[in-house]
Amino acid sequence: MKETAVEWLLSMLDYNEKMLGIKEIIEQAKEMEKDQIIDFGYDIADDLACGVFRDKKAMEKRYNEFLIYNEKEEQ
């Protein structure tokens, strides 16, 4: 299985798990990443149900729009 972006970042950093709160921050980042992937999956499933098909470049644009929309929604 491929590693997630959070797992990759951790493998690139020299960190000590005993650092204050780092374990909780890592778990929170992994959970946020998981939620983001699931939400985007639902968004794309809606598109597919409506007959909207995208190539890779259009999919990347849609993902960026998804991130911006969710960022505004959280503010």
N, C-alpha and C. Protein backbone atom coordinates (compact mmCIF):
# COMPACT_ATOMS: atom_id res chain seq x y z
N MET A 1 0.85 -1.18 0.00
CA MET A 1 0.00 0.00 0.00
C MET A 1 0.89 1.24 0.00
N LYS A 2 0.51 2.24 -0.77
CA LYS A 2 1.25 3.48 -0.80
C LYS A 2 1.09 4.22 0.52
N GLU A 3 2.11 4.99 0.85
CA GLU A 3 2.00 5.78 2.06
C GLU A 3 1.24 7.07 1.77
N THR A 4 0.62 7.60 2.81
CA THR A 4 -0.11 8.85 2.65
C THR A 4 0.88 10.01 2.64
N ALA A 5 0.40 11.19 2.29
CA ALA A 5 1.25 12.38 2.29
C ALA A 5 1.79 12.66 3.69
N VAL A 6 0.98 12.45 4.69
CA VAL A 6 1.42 12.67 6.07
C VAL A 6 2.52 11.68 6.43
N GLU A 7 2.34 10.42 6.08
CA GLU A 7 3.36 9.41 6.38
C GLU A 7 4.66 9.72 5.63
N TRP A 8 4.55 10.15 4.38
CA TRP A 8 5.75 10.51 3.61
C TRP A 8 6.49 11.67 4.28
N LEU A 9 5.74 12.70 4.67
CA LEU A 9 6.35 13.86 5.31
C LEU A 9 7.09 13.45 6.58
N LEU A 10 6.46 12.59 7.37
CA LEU A 10 7.10 12.13 8.60
C LEU A 10 8.39 11.36 8.31
N SER A 11 8.41 10.60 7.23
CA SER A 11 9.62 9.85 6.89
C SER A 11 10.75 10.78 6.44
N MET A 12 10.40 11.97 5.94
CA MET A 12 11.39 12.94 5.49
C MET A 12 11.93 13.79 6.65
N LEU A 13 11.14 13.92 7.71
CA LEU A 13 11.53 14.75 8.85
C LEU A 13 12.27 13.92 9.89
N ASP A 14 13.16 14.56 10.57
CA ASP A 14 13.83 13.91 11.69
C ASP A 14 13.10 14.39 12.94
N TYR A 15 12.17 13.59 13.40
CA TYR A 15 11.40 13.99 14.57
C TYR A 15 11.49 12.92 15.64
N ASN A 16 11.24 13.34 16.83
CA ASN A 16 11.27 12.44 17.98
C ASN A 16 9.84 12.33 18.51
N GLU A 17 9.30 11.12 18.55
CA GLU A 17 7.91 10.93 18.98
C GLU A 17 7.68 11.39 20.41
N LYS A 18 8.76 11.59 21.17
CA LYS A 18 8.61 12.06 22.54
C LYS A 18 8.45 13.57 22.61
N MET A 19 8.58 14.24 21.44
CA MET A 19 8.39 15.68 21.42
C MET A 19 6.98 15.99 21.87
N LEU A 20 6.84 17.06 22.61
CA LEU A 20 5.57 17.43 23.22
C LEU A 20 4.44 17.51 22.19
N GLY A 21 3.47 16.64 22.32
CA GLY A 21 2.27 16.68 21.50
C GLY A 21 2.41 16.20 20.07
N ILE A 22 3.58 15.77 19.65
CA ILE A 22 3.77 15.42 18.24
C ILE A 22 2.91 14.23 17.82
N LYS A 23 2.76 13.25 18.70
CA LYS A 23 1.96 12.08 18.36
C LYS A 23 0.51 12.48 18.08
N GLU A 24 -0.04 13.37 18.91
CA GLU A 24 -1.41 13.83 18.72
C GLU A 24 -1.55 14.64 17.43
N ILE A 25 -0.54 15.44 17.13
CA ILE A 25 -0.57 16.25 15.91
C ILE A 25 -0.52 15.34 14.68
N ILE A 26 0.31 14.32 14.72
CA ILE A 26 0.42 13.37 13.61
C ILE A 26 -0.91 12.66 13.39
N GLU A 27 -1.52 12.19 14.46
CA GLU A 27 -2.81 11.49 14.33
C GLU A 27 -3.89 12.42 13.80
N GLN A 28 -3.89 13.68 14.25
CA GLN A 28 -4.86 14.64 13.76
C GLN A 28 -4.65 14.90 12.26
N ALA A 29 -3.39 15.03 11.84
CA ALA A 29 -3.10 15.26 10.42
C ALA A 29 -3.55 14.08 9.57
N LYS A 30 -3.31 12.86 10.06
CA LYS A 30 -3.75 11.66 9.32
C LYS A 30 -5.27 11.62 9.22
N GLU A 31 -5.96 11.96 10.28
CA GLU A 31 -7.43 11.96 10.27
C GLU A 31 -7.97 13.04 9.32
N MET A 32 -7.35 14.21 9.33
CA MET A 32 -7.75 15.27 8.42
C MET A 32 -7.56 14.85 6.96
N GLU A 33 -6.42 14.21 6.68
CA GLU A 33 -6.14 13.74 5.33
C GLU A 33 -7.17 12.70 4.90
N LYS A 34 -7.49 11.78 5.78
CA LYS A 34 -8.48 10.74 5.49
C LYS A 34 -9.85 11.37 5.20
N ASP A 35 -10.27 12.30 6.04
CA ASP A 35 -11.57 12.96 5.84
C ASP A 35 -11.62 13.70 4.51
N GLN A 36 -10.51 14.35 4.17
CA GLN A 36 -10.44 15.09 2.91
C GLN A 36 -10.57 14.15 1.72
N ILE A 37 -9.91 13.02 1.77
CA ILE A 37 -9.98 12.04 0.68
C ILE A 37 -11.40 11.49 0.54
N ILE A 38 -12.01 11.16 1.66
CA ILE A 38 -13.39 10.63 1.63
C ILE A 38 -14.35 11.66 1.08
N ASP A 39 -14.25 12.91 1.56
CA ASP A 39 -15.14 13.97 1.08
C ASP A 39 -14.98 14.19 -0.42
N PHE A 40 -13.74 14.18 -0.90
CA PHE A 40 -13.51 14.36 -2.32
C PHE A 40 -14.07 13.19 -3.11
N GLY A 41 -13.93 11.99 -2.57
CA GLY A 41 -14.51 10.80 -3.22
C GLY A 41 -16.01 10.93 -3.39
N TYR A 42 -16.69 11.39 -2.37
CA TYR A 42 -18.13 11.60 -2.47
C TYR A 42 -18.46 12.66 -3.52
N ASP A 43 -17.65 13.71 -3.55
CA ASP A 43 -17.86 14.78 -4.52
C ASP A 43 -17.74 14.24 -5.95
N ILE A 44 -16.73 13.43 -6.20
CA ILE A 44 -16.52 12.86 -7.53
C ILE A 44 -17.62 11.84 -7.86
N ALA A 45 -18.04 11.07 -6.85
CA ALA A 45 -19.13 10.11 -7.08
C ALA A 45 -20.39 10.83 -7.53
N ASP A 46 -20.66 11.99 -6.94
CA ASP A 46 -21.81 12.80 -7.38
C ASP A 46 -21.66 13.20 -8.84
N ASP A 47 -20.45 13.63 -9.22
CA ASP A 47 -20.20 14.00 -10.62
C ASP A 47 -20.47 12.81 -11.54
N LEU A 48 -19.95 11.65 -11.17
CA LEU A 48 -20.13 10.47 -12.01
C LEU A 48 -21.59 10.08 -12.12
N ALA A 49 -22.33 10.22 -11.03
CA ALA A 49 -23.76 9.91 -11.05
C ALA A 49 -24.51 10.84 -12.00
N CYS A 50 -23.97 12.05 -12.18
CA CYS A 50 -24.60 13.02 -13.08
C CYS A 50 -24.01 12.95 -14.49
N GLY A 51 -23.13 11.98 -14.73
CA GLY A 51 -22.57 11.81 -16.06
C GLY A 51 -21.41 12.73 -16.37
N VAL A 52 -20.78 13.30 -15.35
CA VAL A 52 -19.64 14.20 -15.56
C VAL A 52 -18.35 13.37 -15.44
N PHE A 53 -17.60 13.30 -16.53
CA PHE A 53 -16.34 12.56 -16.54
C PHE A 53 -15.21 13.54 -16.79
N ARG A 54 -14.09 13.33 -16.14
CA ARG A 54 -12.98 14.27 -16.22
C ARG A 54 -11.67 13.54 -16.56
N ASP A 55 -10.80 14.23 -17.31
CA ASP A 55 -9.47 13.68 -17.51
C ASP A 55 -8.60 14.08 -16.31
N LYS A 56 -7.35 13.65 -16.31
CA LYS A 56 -6.50 13.87 -15.14
C LYS A 56 -6.31 15.36 -14.83
N LYS A 57 -6.10 16.16 -15.86
CA LYS A 57 -5.89 17.59 -15.64
C LYS A 57 -7.16 18.24 -15.09
N ALA A 58 -8.31 17.88 -15.62
CA ALA A 58 -9.58 18.43 -15.13
C ALA A 58 -9.85 17.95 -13.69
N MET A 59 -9.44 16.72 -13.39
CA MET A 59 -9.61 16.18 -12.04
C MET A 59 -8.76 16.97 -11.04
N GLU A 60 -7.55 17.31 -11.43
CA GLU A 60 -6.68 18.10 -10.55
C GLU A 60 -7.30 19.48 -10.30
N LYS A 61 -7.85 20.09 -11.36
CA LYS A 61 -8.51 21.38 -11.21
C LYS A 61 -9.71 21.25 -10.26
N ARG A 62 -10.47 20.21 -10.41
CA ARG A 62 -11.65 19.98 -9.55
C ARG A 62 -11.22 19.79 -8.10
N TYR A 63 -10.11 19.08 -7.88
CA TYR A 63 -9.60 18.87 -6.53
C TYR A 63 -9.20 20.21 -5.90
N ASN A 64 -8.52 21.05 -6.66
CA ASN A 64 -8.13 22.37 -6.15
C ASN A 64 -9.35 23.21 -5.81
N GLU A 65 -10.37 23.15 -6.65
CA GLU A 65 -11.63 23.85 -6.36
C GLU A 65 -12.26 23.31 -5.08
N PHE A 66 -12.22 22.00 -4.92
CA PHE A 66 -12.76 21.34 -3.74
C PHE A 66 -12.06 21.84 -2.48
N LEU A 67 -10.73 21.94 -2.52
CA LEU A 67 -9.97 22.41 -1.36
C LEU A 67 -10.31 23.86 -1.03
N ILE A 68 -10.39 24.70 -2.04
CA ILE A 68 -10.70 26.11 -1.81
C ILE A 68 -12.11 26.26 -1.24
N TYR A 69 -13.07 25.52 -1.79
CA TYR A 69 -14.45 25.58 -1.31
C TYR A 69 -14.51 25.16 0.15
N ASN A 70 -13.85 24.07 0.51
CA ASN A 70 -13.89 23.59 1.89
C ASN A 70 -13.18 24.55 2.83
N GLU A 71 -12.12 25.19 2.36
CA GLU A 71 -11.41 26.16 3.18
C GLU A 71 -12.32 27.34 3.50
N LYS A 72 -13.04 27.84 2.51
CA LYS A 72 -13.97 28.96 2.73
C LYS A 72 -15.11 28.55 3.66
N GLU A 73 -15.58 27.32 3.52
CA GLU A 73 -16.68 26.83 4.33
C GLU A 73 -16.30 26.76 5.82
N GLU A 74 -15.03 26.49 6.12
CA GLU A 74 -14.57 26.35 7.49
C GLU A 74 -14.38 27.70 8.17
N GLN A 75 -14.26 28.77 7.41
CA GLN A 75 -14.01 30.10 7.99
C GLN A 75 -15.26 30.70 8.59
